[in-house]
Amino acid sequence: MQRGRRDRRAPSPSGSVEPSLSDRKLTKTIKDTLTVIDVVLLDHFVVSHNEICLFARQGWL
């Protein structure tokens, strides 16, 4: 892992990779907050046992 990068992984509690509206709102809040301190959020992803949803790929970042 590159210095300064953070990787936080936790499986989706529902087992679904479809982000909820609150997931999307929280991600936007985090992204906007990090912008204040010049940190760029590259992606946020939801993981299940055999699927992954990447916010950047969906155009949500």
C-alpha atoms as a PDB file:
ATOM      1  CA  MET A   1       0.000   0.000   0.000  1.00  0.00           C
ATOM      2  CA  GLN A   2       1.277   3.456  -0.861  1.00  0.00           C
ATOM      3  CA  ARG A   3       2.184   5.800   1.933  1.00  0.00           C
ATOM      4  CA  GLY A   4      -0.723   8.022   2.832  1.00  0.00           C
ATOM      5  CA  ARG A   5      -3.353   5.732   1.334  1.00  0.00           C
ATOM      6  CA  ARG A   6      -5.981   4.182   3.541  1.00  0.00           C
ATOM      7  CA  ASP A   7      -7.855   1.018   2.749  1.00  0.00           C
ATOM      8  CA  ARG A   8     -10.832   0.328   4.991  1.00  0.00           C
ATOM      9  CA  ARG A   9     -12.660  -2.887   4.166  1.00  0.00           C
ATOM     10  CA  ALA A  10     -15.799  -4.211   5.757  1.00  0.00           C
ATOM     11  CA  PRO A  11     -18.299  -6.545   4.131  1.00  0.00           C
ATOM     12  CA  SER A  12     -21.766  -5.179   3.480  1.00  0.00           C
ATOM     13  CA  PRO A  13     -24.051  -6.149   6.391  1.00  0.00           C
ATOM     14  CA  SER A  14     -26.959  -6.843   4.014  1.00  0.00           C
ATOM     15  CA  GLY A  15     -24.872  -9.015   1.696  1.00  0.00           C
ATOM     16  CA  SER A  16     -25.864  -6.775  -1.226  1.00  0.00           C
ATOM     17  CA  VAL A  17     -23.400  -4.601  -3.101  1.00  0.00           C
ATOM     18  CA  GLU A  18     -26.076  -2.066  -4.014  1.00  0.00           C
ATOM     19  CA  PRO A  19     -25.259   1.049  -1.952  1.00  0.00           C
ATOM     20  CA  SER A  20     -28.127   2.555  -0.013  1.00  0.00           C
ATOM     21  CA  LEU A  21     -29.062   6.215  -0.316  1.00  0.00           C
ATOM     22  CA  SER A  22     -27.433   6.815   3.072  1.00  0.00           C
ATOM     23  CA  ASP A  23     -24.208   5.146   1.792  1.00  0.00           C
ATOM     24  CA  ARG A  24     -24.152   7.569  -1.124  1.00  0.00           C
ATOM     25  CA  LYS A  25     -24.932  10.610   1.045  1.00  0.00           C
ATOM     26  CA  LEU A  26     -22.252   9.677   3.572  1.00  0.00           C
ATOM     27  CA  THR A  27     -19.686   9.184   0.802  1.00  0.00           C
ATOM     28  CA  LYS A  28     -20.490  12.640  -0.602  1.00  0.00           C
ATOM     29  CA  THR A  29     -20.143  14.177   2.871  1.00  0.00           C
ATOM     30  CA  ILE A  30     -16.772  12.465   3.370  1.00  0.00           C
ATOM     31  CA  LYS A  31     -15.581  13.515  -0.094  1.00  0.00           C
ATOM     32  CA  ASP A  32     -16.627  17.148   0.456  1.00  0.00           C
ATOM     33  CA  THR A  33     -15.038  17.237   3.908  1.00  0.00           C
ATOM     34  CA  LEU A  34     -11.742  15.806   2.666  1.00  0.00           C
ATOM     35  CA  THR A  35     -11.621  18.419  -0.089  1.00  0.00           C
ATOM     36  CA  VAL A  36     -11.255  21.093   2.606  1.00  0.00           C
ATOM     37  CA  ILE A  37      -7.908  19.593   3.633  1.00  0.00           C
ATOM     38  CA  ASP A  38      -6.767  18.842   0.057  1.00  0.00           C
ATOM     39  CA  VAL A  39      -7.377  15.100   0.198  1.00  0.00           C
ATOM     40  CA  VAL A  40      -8.921  13.427  -2.843  1.00  0.00           C
ATOM     41  CA  LEU A  41     -11.257  10.487  -2.313  1.00  0.00           C
ATOM     42  CA  LEU A  42     -10.429   8.151  -5.206  1.00  0.00           C
ATOM     43  CA  ASP A  43     -13.092   5.533  -4.657  1.00  0.00           C
ATOM     44  CA  HIS A  44     -15.495   3.977  -2.208  1.00  0.00           C
ATOM     45  CA  PHE A  45     -16.628   0.423  -2.656  1.00  0.00           C
ATOM     46  CA  VAL A  46     -19.167  -2.008  -1.261  1.00  0.00           C
ATOM     47  CA  VAL A  47     -18.131  -5.652  -1.082  1.00  0.00           C
ATOM     48  CA  SER A  48     -20.191  -8.821  -0.712  1.00  0.00           C
ATOM     49  CA  HIS A  49     -18.963 -12.388  -0.783  1.00  0.00           C
ATOM     50  CA  ASN A  50     -18.625 -12.470  -4.571  1.00  0.00           C
ATOM     51  CA  GLU A  51     -19.453  -8.976  -5.877  1.00  0.00           C
ATOM     52  CA  ILE A  52     -18.100  -5.445  -5.618  1.00  0.00           C
ATOM     53  CA  CYS A  53     -19.623  -2.056  -6.391  1.00  0.00           C
ATOM     54  CA  LEU A  54     -17.159   0.765  -7.111  1.00  0.00           C
ATOM     55  CA  PHE A  55     -18.568   4.268  -6.643  1.00  0.00           C
ATOM     56  CA  ALA A  56     -16.057   5.775  -9.103  1.00  0.00           C
ATOM     57  CA  ARG A  57     -17.029   3.279 -11.812  1.00  0.00           C
ATOM     58  CA  GLN A  58     -20.694   4.171 -11.287  1.00  0.00           C
ATOM     59  CA  GLY A  59     -19.878   7.884 -11.675  1.00  0.00           C
ATOM     60  CA  TRP A  60     -20.847   8.684  -8.079  1.00  0.00           C
ATOM     61  CA  LEU A  61     -17.519  10.365  -7.189  1.00  0.00           C
END
